[in-house]
Structure formats: structure tokens, C-alpha cells
Amino acid sequence: KHEEFSEAFGGTIVYYSNAAGFKQKFKLKDAAKPGEVVAEIMYQTCD
């Protein structure tokens, strides 16, 4: 994780470069049946 002060925003922005990972733990409500994972990510990319 990188932190950088932004003159434009007047605060510190926090970001990842090169690589990042997002993890969410879960369990199956019925452990004997298959599940269907729907993963949604909302993000913004800048240089």
C-alpha cells in the first residue's frame, strides 16, 4: 500500500501499484450443496 499527499485533494491518497489482491471469506449455507459465487468489484484506475 502506498500513501501520497495530493495537493489537489488536500489530503493523503492511498493506492496500489503493480499488483493488489482483494479477499472475502464465505461459507456455504448448505455444506452438501454447490454454491455460486458472484464477485463484484468497483474501482478507479489513474496514472
All heavy atoms as atom14 arrays in JSON, in Angstrom:
{
  "sequence": "KHEEFSEAFGGTIVYYSNAAGFKQKFKLKDAAKPGEVVAEIMYQTCD",
  "atom14_mask": [
    [1, 1, 1, 1, 1, 1, 1, 1, 1, 0, 0, 0, 0, 0],
    [1, 1, 1, 1, 1, 1, 1, 1, 1, 1, 0, 0, 0, 0],
    [1, 1, 1, 1, 1, 1, 1, 1, 1, 0, 0, 0, 0, 0],
    [1, 1, 1, 1, 1, 1, 1, 1, 1, 0, 0, 0, 0, 0],
    [1, 1, 1, 1, 1, 1, 1, 1, 1, 1, 1, 0, 0, 0],
    [1, 1, 1, 1, 1, 1, 0, 0, 0, 0, 0, 0, 0, 0],
    [1, 1, 1, 1, 1, 1, 1, 1, 1, 0, 0, 0, 0, 0],
    [1, 1, 1, 1, 1, 0, 0, 0, 0, 0, 0, 0, 0, 0],
    [1, 1, 1, 1, 1, 1, 1, 1, 1, 1, 1, 0, 0, 0],
    [1, 1, 1, 1, 0, 0, 0, 0, 0, 0, 0, 0, 0, 0],
    [1, 1, 1, 1, 0, 0, 0, 0, 0, 0, 0, 0, 0, 0],
    [1, 1, 1, 1, 1, 1, 1, 0, 0, 0, 0, 0, 0, 0],
    [1, 1, 1, 1, 1, 1, 1, 1, 0, 0, 0, 0, 0, 0],
    [1, 1, 1, 1, 1, 1, 1, 0, 0, 0, 0, 0, 0, 0],
    [1, 1, 1, 1, 1, 1, 1, 1, 1, 1, 1, 1, 0, 0],
    [1, 1, 1, 1, 1, 1, 1, 1, 1, 1, 1, 1, 0, 0],
    [1, 1, 1, 1, 1, 1, 0, 0, 0, 0, 0, 0, 0, 0],
    [1, 1, 1, 1, 1, 1, 1, 1, 0, 0, 0, 0, 0, 0],
    [1, 1, 1, 1, 1, 0, 0, 0, 0, 0, 0, 0, 0, 0],
    [1, 1, 1, 1, 1, 0, 0, 0, 0, 0, 0, 0, 0, 0],
    [1, 1, 1, 1, 0, 0, 0, 0, 0, 0, 0, 0, 0, 0],
    [1, 1, 1, 1, 1, 1, 1, 1, 1, 1, 1, 0, 0, 0],
    [1, 1, 1, 1, 1, 1, 1, 1, 1, 0, 0, 0, 0, 0],
    [1, 1, 1, 1, 1, 1, 1, 1, 1, 0, 0, 0, 0, 0],
    [1, 1, 1, 1, 1, 1, 1, 1, 1, 0, 0, 0, 0, 0],
    [1, 1, 1, 1, 1, 1, 1, 1, 1, 1, 1, 0, 0, 0],
    [1, 1, 1, 1, 1, 1, 1, 1, 1, 0, 0, 0, 0, 0],
    [1, 1, 1, 1, 1, 1, 1, 1, 0, 0, 0, 0, 0, 0],
    [1, 1, 1, 1, 1, 1, 1, 1, 1, 0, 0, 0, 0, 0],
    [1, 1, 1, 1, 1, 1, 1, 1, 0, 0, 0, 0, 0, 0],
    [1, 1, 1, 1, 1, 0, 0, 0, 0, 0, 0, 0, 0, 0],
    [1, 1, 1, 1, 1, 0, 0, 0, 0, 0, 0, 0, 0, 0],
    [1, 1, 1, 1, 1, 1, 1, 1, 1, 0, 0, 0, 0, 0],
    [1, 1, 1, 1, 1, 1, 1, 0, 0, 0, 0, 0, 0, 0],
    [1, 1, 1, 1, 0, 0, 0, 0, 0, 0, 0, 0, 0, 0],
    [1, 1, 1, 1, 1, 1, 1, 1, 1, 0, 0, 0, 0, 0],
    [1, 1, 1, 1, 1, 1, 1, 0, 0, 0, 0, 0, 0, 0],
    [1, 1, 1, 1, 1, 1, 1, 0, 0, 0, 0, 0, 0, 0],
    [1, 1, 1, 1, 1, 0, 0, 0, 0, 0, 0, 0, 0, 0],
    [1, 1, 1, 1, 1, 1, 1, 1, 1, 0, 0, 0, 0, 0],
    [1, 1, 1, 1, 1, 1, 1, 1, 0, 0, 0, 0, 0, 0],
    [1, 1, 1, 1, 1, 1, 1, 1, 0, 0, 0, 0, 0, 0],
    [1, 1, 1, 1, 1, 1, 1, 1, 1, 1, 1, 1, 0, 0],
    [1, 1, 1, 1, 1, 1, 1, 1, 1, 0, 0, 0, 0, 0],
    [1, 1, 1, 1, 1, 1, 1, 0, 0, 0, 0, 0, 0, 0],
    [1, 1, 1, 1, 1, 1, 0, 0, 0, 0, 0, 0, 0, 0],
    [1, 1, 1, 1, 1, 1, 1, 1, 0, 0, 0, 0, 0, 0]
  ],
  "atom14_positions": [
    [[0.84, -1.2, 0.0], [0.0, 0.0, 0.0], [0.88, 1.25, 0.0], [1.84, 1.35, 0.76], [-0.91, -0.01, 1.22], [-1.95, 1.09, 1.26], [-2.81, 0.99, 2.52], [-3.68, -0.25, 2.51], [-4.62, -0.27, 3.67], [0.0, 0.0, 0.0], [0.0, 0.0, 0.0], [0.0, 0.0, 0.0], [0.0, 0.0, 0.0], [0.0, 0.0, 0.0]],
    [[0.55, 2.18, -0.88], [1.3, 3.44, -0.97], [0.43, 4.59, -0.48], [-0.78, 4.61, -0.71], [1.73, 3.72, -2.41], [2.54, 2.63, -3.02], [3.87, 2.42, -2.73], [2.2, 1.67, -3.92], [4.31, 1.39, -3.42], [3.31, 0.91, -4.15], [0.0, 0.0, 0.0], [0.0, 0.0, 0.0], [0.0, 0.0, 0.0], [0.0, 0.0, 0.0]],
    [[1.05, 5.55, 0.17], [0.36, 6.76, 0.59], [1.07, 7.97, 0.0], [2.3, 8.04, 0.03], [0.31, 6.87, 2.12], [-0.51, 5.76, 2.77], [-0.66, 5.97, 4.27], [-0.14, 6.99, 4.77], [-1.29, 5.13, 4.93], [0.0, 0.0, 0.0], [0.0, 0.0, 0.0], [0.0, 0.0, 0.0], [0.0, 0.0, 0.0], [0.0, 0.0, 0.0]],
    [[0.29, 8.9, -0.54], [0.87, 10.07, -1.19], [-0.01, 11.27, -0.95], [-1.23, 11.21, -1.13], [1.03, 9.81, -2.69], [1.57, 10.99, -3.47], [1.69, 10.67, -4.95], [2.1, 9.54, -5.28], [1.35, 11.54, -5.77], [0.0, 0.0, 0.0], [0.0, 0.0, 0.0], [0.0, 0.0, 0.0], [0.0, 0.0, 0.0], [0.0, 0.0, 0.0]],
    [[0.59, 12.37, -0.55], [-0.19, 13.58, -0.34], [-0.6, 14.17, -1.67], [0.2, 14.27, -2.6], [0.6, 14.61, 0.47], [-0.16, 15.9, 0.64], [-1.19, 15.98, 1.56], [0.13, 17.0, -0.14], [-1.91, 17.15, 1.71], [-0.58, 18.18, 0.0], [-1.6, 18.25, 0.94], [0.0, 0.0, 0.0], [0.0, 0.0, 0.0], [0.0, 0.0, 0.0]],
    [[-1.85, 14.57, -1.78], [-2.39, 15.16, -3.01], [-2.68, 16.63, -2.78], [-3.51, 16.99, -1.94], [-3.67, 14.44, -3.44], [-4.36, 15.19, -4.42], [0.0, 0.0, 0.0], [0.0, 0.0, 0.0], [0.0, 0.0, 0.0], [0.0, 0.0, 0.0], [0.0, 0.0, 0.0], [0.0, 0.0, 0.0], [0.0, 0.0, 0.0], [0.0, 0.0, 0.0]],
    [[-1.98, 17.51, -3.52], [-2.25, 18.94, -3.43], [-3.67, 19.24, -3.9], [-4.34, 20.12, -3.37], [-1.24, 19.72, -4.29], [0.2, 19.65, -3.8], [0.44, 20.54, -2.61], [-0.5, 21.26, -2.2], [1.55, 20.53, -2.07], [0.0, 0.0, 0.0], [0.0, 0.0, 0.0], [0.0, 0.0, 0.0], [0.0, 0.0, 0.0], [0.0, 0.0, 0.0]],
    [[-4.12, 18.51, -4.93], [-5.44, 18.79, -5.5], [-6.56, 18.46, -4.52], [-7.53, 19.2, -4.4], [-5.62, 18.0, -6.79], [0.0, 0.0, 0.0], [0.0, 0.0, 0.0], [0.0, 0.0, 0.0], [0.0, 0.0, 0.0], [0.0, 0.0, 0.0], [0.0, 0.0, 0.0], [0.0, 0.0, 0.0], [0.0, 0.0, 0.0], [0.0, 0.0, 0.0]],
    [[-6.43, 17.31, -3.81], [-7.47, 16.91, -2.88], [-7.25, 17.48, -1.48], [-8.15, 17.46, -0.64], [-7.53, 15.38, -2.77], [-8.12, 14.71, -3.98], [-7.53, 13.57, -4.52], [-9.26, 15.2, -4.58], [-8.07, 12.95, -5.64], [-9.81, 14.59, -5.7], [-9.21, 13.46, -6.22], [0.0, 0.0, 0.0], [0.0, 0.0, 0.0], [0.0, 0.0, 0.0]],
    [[-6.04, 17.96, -1.21], [-5.76, 18.48, 0.12], [-5.72, 17.39, 1.18], [-6.07, 17.62, 2.33], [0.0, 0.0, 0.0], [0.0, 0.0, 0.0], [0.0, 0.0, 0.0], [0.0, 0.0, 0.0], [0.0, 0.0, 0.0], [0.0, 0.0, 0.0], [0.0, 0.0, 0.0], [0.0, 0.0, 0.0], [0.0, 0.0, 0.0], [0.0, 0.0, 0.0]],
    [[-5.3, 16.19, 0.79], [-5.24, 15.07, 1.73], [-4.39, 13.96, 1.17], [-3.83, 14.06, 0.08], [0.0, 0.0, 0.0], [0.0, 0.0, 0.0], [0.0, 0.0, 0.0], [0.0, 0.0, 0.0], [0.0, 0.0, 0.0], [0.0, 0.0, 0.0], [0.0, 0.0, 0.0], [0.0, 0.0, 0.0], [0.0, 0.0, 0.0], [0.0, 0.0, 0.0]],
    [[-4.28, 12.87, 1.91], [-3.45, 11.74, 1.52], [-4.29, 10.72, 0.75], [-5.36, 10.33, 1.2], [-2.84, 11.06, 2.75], [-2.05, 12.03, 3.46], [-1.95, 9.89, 2.35], [0.0, 0.0, 0.0], [0.0, 0.0, 0.0], [0.0, 0.0, 0.0], [0.0, 0.0, 0.0], [0.0, 0.0, 0.0], [0.0, 0.0, 0.0], [0.0, 0.0, 0.0]],
    [[-3.81, 10.32, -0.42], [-4.48, 9.27, -1.18], [-3.73, 7.96, -0.93], [-2.51, 7.94, -0.73], [-4.54, 9.59, -2.68], [-3.14, 9.84, -3.26], [-5.43, 10.78, -2.94], [-3.14, 10.03, -4.76], [0.0, 0.0, 0.0], [0.0, 0.0, 0.0], [0.0, 0.0, 0.0], [0.0, 0.0, 0.0], [0.0, 0.0, 0.0], [0.0, 0.0, 0.0]],
    [[-4.47, 6.87, -0.92], [-3.93, 5.54, -0.62], [-4.21, 4.65, -1.82], [-5.35, 4.57, -2.28], [-4.58, 4.94, 0.64], [-3.89, 3.64, 1.03], [-4.54, 5.94, 1.79], [0.0, 0.0, 0.0], [0.0, 0.0, 0.0], [0.0, 0.0, 0.0], [0.0, 0.0, 0.0], [0.0, 0.0, 0.0], [0.0, 0.0, 0.0], [0.0, 0.0, 0.0]],
    [[-3.17, 3.99, -2.34], [-3.36, 3.25, -3.58], [-2.38, 2.07, -3.67], [-1.46, 1.93, -2.87], [-3.17, 4.17, -4.79], [-1.78, 4.77, -4.91], [-0.77, 4.12, -5.63], [-1.46, 5.98, -4.31], [0.49, 4.66, -5.74], [-0.2, 6.53, -4.41], [0.78, 5.86, -5.13], [2.04, 6.39, -5.23], [0.0, 0.0, 0.0], [0.0, 0.0, 0.0]],
    [[-2.63, 1.22, -4.68], [-1.76, 0.1, -5.0], [-1.26, 0.26, -6.43], [-2.0, 0.68, -7.32], [-2.52, -1.23, -4.89], [-2.96, -1.57, -3.5], [-4.25, -1.25, -3.08], [-2.12, -2.21, -2.61], [-4.67, -1.56, -1.79], [-2.53, -2.53, -1.33], [-3.81, -2.2, -0.92], [-4.22, -2.5, 0.34], [0.0, 0.0, 0.0], [0.0, 0.0, 0.0]],
    [[-0.01, -0.09, -6.65], [0.55, -0.13, -7.99], [1.12, -1.53, -8.24], [1.42, -2.26, -7.3], [1.64, 0.93, -8.17], [2.66, 0.77, -7.2], [0.0, 0.0, 0.0], [0.0, 0.0, 0.0], [0.0, 0.0, 0.0], [0.0, 0.0, 0.0], [0.0, 0.0, 0.0], [0.0, 0.0, 0.0], [0.0, 0.0, 0.0], [0.0, 0.0, 0.0]],
    [[1.23, -1.89, -9.49], [1.77, -3.19, -9.94], [0.83, -4.35, -9.63], [0.5, -5.12, -10.53], [3.16, -3.46, -9.35], [4.18, -2.41, -9.75], [4.18, -1.97, -10.9], [5.02, -1.99, -8.84], [0.0, 0.0, 0.0], [0.0, 0.0, 0.0], [0.0, 0.0, 0.0], [0.0, 0.0, 0.0], [0.0, 0.0, 0.0], [0.0, 0.0, 0.0]],
    [[0.43, -4.52, -8.38], [-0.42, -5.66, -8.04], [-1.21, -5.36, -6.78], [-0.78, -4.58, -5.92], [0.4, -6.93, -7.85], [0.0, 0.0, 0.0], [0.0, 0.0, 0.0], [0.0, 0.0, 0.0], [0.0, 0.0, 0.0], [0.0, 0.0, 0.0], [0.0, 0.0, 0.0], [0.0, 0.0, 0.0], [0.0, 0.0, 0.0], [0.0, 0.0, 0.0]],
    [[-2.37, -5.98, -6.69], [-3.21, -5.86, -5.49], [-4.11, -7.08, -5.42], [-4.38, -7.74, -6.44], [-4.04, -4.58, -5.52], [0.0, 0.0, 0.0], [0.0, 0.0, 0.0], [0.0, 0.0, 0.0], [0.0, 0.0, 0.0], [0.0, 0.0, 0.0], [0.0, 0.0, 0.0], [0.0, 0.0, 0.0], [0.0, 0.0, 0.0], [0.0, 0.0, 0.0]],
    [[-4.57, -7.4, -4.24], [-5.48, -8.53, -4.06], [-6.64, -8.15, -3.15], [-6.49, -7.33, -2.24], [0.0, 0.0, 0.0], [0.0, 0.0, 0.0], [0.0, 0.0, 0.0], [0.0, 0.0, 0.0], [0.0, 0.0, 0.0], [0.0, 0.0, 0.0], [0.0, 0.0, 0.0], [0.0, 0.0, 0.0], [0.0, 0.0, 0.0], [0.0, 0.0, 0.0]],
    [[-7.79, -8.75, -3.42], [-8.99, -8.47, -2.63], [-9.6, -9.82, -2.22], [-9.89, -10.66, -3.08], [-9.98, -7.62, -3.44], [-9.36, -6.35, -3.94], [-8.76, -6.31, -5.2], [-9.33, -5.22, -3.16], [-8.16, -5.15, -5.66], [-8.74, -4.05, -3.61], [-8.14, -4.02, -4.87], [0.0, 0.0, 0.0], [0.0, 0.0, 0.0], [0.0, 0.0, 0.0]],
    [[-9.78, -10.02, -0.91], [-10.2, -11.32, -0.4], [-11.49, -11.19, 0.41], [-11.65, -10.23, 1.18], [-9.12, -11.93, 0.49], [-7.81, -12.21, -0.23], [-6.8, -12.83, 0.73], [-5.49, -13.18, 0.02], [-4.52, -13.81, 0.95], [0.0, 0.0, 0.0], [0.0, 0.0, 0.0], [0.0, 0.0, 0.0], [0.0, 0.0, 0.0], [0.0, 0.0, 0.0]],
    [[-12.38, -12.13, 0.22], [-13.61, -12.2, 1.0], [-13.87, -13.64, 1.41], [-14.01, -14.52, 0.56], [-14.8, -11.66, 0.19], [-16.13, -11.8, 0.89], [-16.23, -10.97, 2.17], [-16.17, -9.75, 2.13], [-16.34, -11.63, 3.32], [0.0, 0.0, 0.0], [0.0, 0.0, 0.0], [0.0, 0.0, 0.0], [0.0, 0.0, 0.0], [0.0, 0.0, 0.0]],
    [[-13.92, -13.88, 2.71], [-14.22, -15.23, 3.2], [-15.73, -15.47, 3.2], [-16.51, -14.54, 3.4], [-13.67, -15.42, 4.61], [-12.14, -15.44, 4.68], [-11.66, -15.7, 6.11], [-10.14, -15.74, 6.16], [-9.64, -15.99, 7.53], [0.0, 0.0, 0.0], [0.0, 0.0, 0.0], [0.0, 0.0, 0.0], [0.0, 0.0, 0.0], [0.0, 0.0, 0.0]],
    [[-16.11, -16.73, 2.96], [-17.52, -17.08, 2.99], [-17.65, -18.56, 3.3], [-16.67, -19.31, 3.31], [-18.19, -16.75, 1.64], [-17.71, -17.58, 0.49], [-18.35, -18.77, 0.13], [-16.61, -17.19, -0.27], [-17.93, -19.53, -0.93], [-16.16, -17.95, -1.33], [-16.82, -19.12, -1.68], [0.0, 0.0, 0.0], [0.0, 0.0, 0.0], [0.0, 0.0, 0.0]],
    [[-18.86, -18.99, 3.56], [-19.15, -20.41, 3.75], [-20.44, -20.74, 3.0], [-21.22, -19.85, 2.63], [-19.28, -20.75, 5.22], [-20.41, -20.05, 5.95], [-20.42, -20.42, 7.42], [-21.56, -19.73, 8.16], [-21.57, -20.08, 9.6], [0.0, 0.0, 0.0], [0.0, 0.0, 0.0], [0.0, 0.0, 0.0], [0.0, 0.0, 0.0], [0.0, 0.0, 0.0]],
    [[-20.65, -22.02, 2.78], [-21.87, -22.47, 2.12], [-22.96, -22.65, 3.17], [-22.74, -23.26, 4.22], [-21.63, -23.78, 1.38], [-20.58, -23.74, 0.25], [-20.39, -25.13, -0.34], [-20.95, -22.74, -0.82], [0.0, 0.0, 0.0], [0.0, 0.0, 0.0], [0.0, 0.0, 0.0], [0.0, 0.0, 0.0], [0.0, 0.0, 0.0], [0.0, 0.0, 0.0]],
    [[-24.12, -22.08, 2.89], [-25.24, -22.23, 3.83], [-25.58, -23.71, 4.03], [-25.85, -24.15, 5.14], [-26.45, -21.46, 3.31], [-26.25, -19.95, 3.28], [-27.48, -19.25, 2.72], [-27.28, -17.75, 2.67], [-28.45, -17.05, 2.1], [0.0, 0.0, 0.0], [0.0, 0.0, 0.0], [0.0, 0.0, 0.0], [0.0, 0.0, 0.0], [0.0, 0.0, 0.0]],
    [[-25.58, -24.45, 2.91], [-25.78, -25.9, 2.96], [-24.5, -26.53, 2.45], [-24.21, -26.49, 1.25], [-26.97, -26.3, 2.09], [-27.31, -27.79, 2.24], [-26.43, -28.56, 2.67], [-28.45, -28.18, 1.91], [0.0, 0.0, 0.0], [0.0, 0.0, 0.0], [0.0, 0.0, 0.0], [0.0, 0.0, 0.0], [0.0, 0.0, 0.0], [0.0, 0.0, 0.0]],
    [[-23.69, -27.07, 3.36], [-22.37, -27.57, 3.0], [-22.42, -28.76, 2.06], [-21.39, -29.15, 1.49], [-21.6, -27.95, 4.27], [0.0, 0.0, 0.0], [0.0, 0.0, 0.0], [0.0, 0.0, 0.0], [0.0, 0.0, 0.0], [0.0, 0.0, 0.0], [0.0, 0.0, 0.0], [0.0, 0.0, 0.0], [0.0, 0.0, 0.0], [0.0, 0.0, 0.0]],
    [[-23.59, -29.35, 1.85], [-23.68, -30.52, 0.98], [-24.06, -30.15, -0.45], [-24.07, -31.01, -1.33], [-24.71, -31.5, 1.54], [0.0, 0.0, 0.0], [0.0, 0.0, 0.0], [0.0, 0.0, 0.0], [0.0, 0.0, 0.0], [0.0, 0.0, 0.0], [0.0, 0.0, 0.0], [0.0, 0.0, 0.0], [0.0, 0.0, 0.0], [0.0, 0.0, 0.0]],
    [[-24.38, -28.86, -0.66], [-24.81, -28.43, -2.0], [-23.82, -27.45, -2.6], [-23.14, -26.72, -1.87], [-26.19, -27.8, -1.93], [-27.3, -28.76, -1.53], [-28.64, -28.05, -1.55], [-29.78, -29.0, -1.17], [-31.1, -28.32, -1.18], [0.0, 0.0, 0.0], [0.0, 0.0, 0.0], [0.0, 0.0, 0.0], [0.0, 0.0, 0.0], [0.0, 0.0, 0.0]],
    [[-23.74, -27.41, -3.94], [-22.85, -26.44, -4.6], [-23.32, -25.01, -4.34], [-24.48, -24.76, -4.02], [-22.96, -26.8, -6.09], [-23.52, -28.17, -6.12], [-24.41, -28.29, -4.92], [0.0, 0.0, 0.0], [0.0, 0.0, 0.0], [0.0, 0.0, 0.0], [0.0, 0.0, 0.0], [0.0, 0.0, 0.0], [0.0, 0.0, 0.0], [0.0, 0.0, 0.0]],
    [[-22.4, -24.09, -4.49], [-22.72, -22.66, -4.38], [-22.33, -21.94, -5.66], [-21.65, -22.5, -6.53], [0.0, 0.0, 0.0], [0.0, 0.0, 0.0], [0.0, 0.0, 0.0], [0.0, 0.0, 0.0], [0.0, 0.0, 0.0], [0.0, 0.0, 0.0], [0.0, 0.0, 0.0], [0.0, 0.0, 0.0], [0.0, 0.0, 0.0], [0.0, 0.0, 0.0]],
    [[-22.77, -20.72, -5.76], [-22.46, -19.92, -6.95], [-21.96, -18.56, -6.47], [-22.7, -17.8, -5.85], [-23.7, -19.77, -7.82], [-23.38, -19.32, -9.23], [-24.59, -19.42, -10.14], [-25.01, -20.55, -10.48], [-25.13, -18.36, -10.48], [0.0, 0.0, 0.0], [0.0, 0.0, 0.0], [0.0, 0.0, 0.0], [0.0, 0.0, 0.0], [0.0, 0.0, 0.0]],
    [[-20.69, -18.27, -6.75], [-20.06, -17.03, -6.29], [-20.25, -15.94, -7.34], [-19.94, -16.13, -8.51], [-18.56, -17.23, -6.03], [-17.87, -15.9, -5.73], [-18.36, -18.19, -4.87], [0.0, 0.0, 0.0], [0.0, 0.0, 0.0], [0.0, 0.0, 0.0], [0.0, 0.0, 0.0], [0.0, 0.0, 0.0], [0.0, 0.0, 0.0], [0.0, 0.0, 0.0]],
    [[-20.76, -14.82, -6.9], [-20.84, -13.62, -7.73], [-19.95, -12.57, -7.08], [-20.27, -12.04, -6.01], [-22.28, -13.09, -7.86], [-22.3, -11.83, -8.72], [-23.2, -14.15, -8.44], [0.0, 0.0, 0.0], [0.0, 0.0, 0.0], [0.0, 0.0, 0.0], [0.0, 0.0, 0.0], [0.0, 0.0, 0.0], [0.0, 0.0, 0.0], [0.0, 0.0, 0.0]],
    [[-18.79, -12.29, -7.71], [-17.83, -11.33, -7.17], [-17.91, -10.04, -7.99], [-17.77, -10.06, -9.2], [-16.41, -11.9, -7.22], [0.0, 0.0, 0.0], [0.0, 0.0, 0.0], [0.0, 0.0, 0.0], [0.0, 0.0, 0.0], [0.0, 0.0, 0.0], [0.0, 0.0, 0.0], [0.0, 0.0, 0.0], [0.0, 0.0, 0.0], [0.0, 0.0, 0.0]],
    [[-18.12, -8.93, -7.31], [-18.26, -7.64, -7.98], [-17.22, -6.68, -7.42], [-17.07, -6.55, -6.21], [-19.67, -7.08, -7.77], [-19.89, -5.71, -8.39], [-21.29, -5.18, -8.11], [-22.25, -5.92, -8.37], [-21.41, -4.05, -7.62], [0.0, 0.0, 0.0], [0.0, 0.0, 0.0], [0.0, 0.0, 0.0], [0.0, 0.0, 0.0], [0.0, 0.0, 0.0]],
    [[-16.52, -5.99, -8.31], [-15.53, -5.0, -7.87], [-15.79, -3.69, -8.58], [-16.05, -3.64, -9.78], [-14.08, -5.49, -8.12], [-13.09, -4.51, -7.46], [-13.78, -5.68, -9.6], [-11.71, -5.07, -7.28], [0.0, 0.0, 0.0], [0.0, 0.0, 0.0], [0.0, 0.0, 0.0], [0.0, 0.0, 0.0], [0.0, 0.0, 0.0], [0.0, 0.0, 0.0]],
    [[-15.77, -2.61, -7.8], [-15.89, -1.26, -8.33], [-14.59, -0.53, -8.0], [-14.21, -0.43, -6.83], [-17.09, -0.55, -7.72], [-17.48, 0.73, -8.49], [-16.51, 2.18, -8.03], [-17.31, 2.62, -6.49], [0.0, 0.0, 0.0], [0.0, 0.0, 0.0], [0.0, 0.0, 0.0], [0.0, 0.0, 0.0], [0.0, 0.0, 0.0], [0.0, 0.0, 0.0]],
    [[-13.9, -0.03, -9.01], [-12.57, 0.54, -8.81], [-12.33, 1.67, -9.8], [-13.04, 1.83, -10.79], [-11.5, -0.53, -8.99], [-11.4, -1.05, -10.41], [-10.42, -0.58, -11.28], [-12.29, -2.01, -10.89], [-10.34, -1.04, -12.59], [-12.22, -2.47, -12.19], [-11.24, -1.98, -13.04], [-11.16, -2.42, -14.34], [0.0, 0.0, 0.0], [0.0, 0.0, 0.0]],
    [[-11.28, 2.46, -9.52], [-10.84, 3.51, -10.44], [-9.34, 3.38, -10.65], [-8.6, 3.09, -9.71], [-11.18, 4.9, -9.91], [-10.85, 6.02, -10.91], [-11.32, 7.38, -10.44], [-11.27, 7.7, -9.26], [-11.77, 8.22, -11.36], [0.0, 0.0, 0.0], [0.0, 0.0, 0.0], [0.0, 0.0, 0.0], [0.0, 0.0, 0.0], [0.0, 0.0, 0.0]],
    [[-8.92, 3.61, -11.88], [-7.51, 3.5, -12.26], [-6.99, 4.87, -12.67], [-7.65, 5.58, -13.42], [-7.34, 2.52, -13.43], [-8.12, 1.35, -13.19], [-5.88, 2.14, -13.6], [0.0, 0.0, 0.0], [0.0, 0.0, 0.0], [0.0, 0.0, 0.0], [0.0, 0.0, 0.0], [0.0, 0.0, 0.0], [0.0, 0.0, 0.0], [0.0, 0.0, 0.0]],
    [[-5.8, 5.24, -12.19], [-5.2, 6.54, -12.53], [-3.71, 6.37, -12.78], [-3.09, 5.42, -12.32], [-5.4, 7.56, -11.4], [-7.11, 7.99, -11.05], [0.0, 0.0, 0.0], [0.0, 0.0, 0.0], [0.0, 0.0, 0.0], [0.0, 0.0, 0.0], [0.0, 0.0, 0.0], [0.0, 0.0, 0.0], [0.0, 0.0, 0.0], [0.0, 0.0, 0.0]],
    [[-3.16, 7.33, -13.53], [-1.7, 7.5, -13.56], [-1.43, 8.95, -13.21], [-2.27, 9.62, -12.63], [-1.11, 7.06, -14.91], [-1.51, 7.96, -16.07], [-2.24, 8.96, -15.85], [-1.1, 7.68, -17.21], [0.0, 0.0, 0.0], [0.0, 0.0, 0.0], [0.0, 0.0, 0.0], [0.0, 0.0, 0.0], [0.0, 0.0, 0.0], [0.0, 0.0, 0.0]]
  ]
}
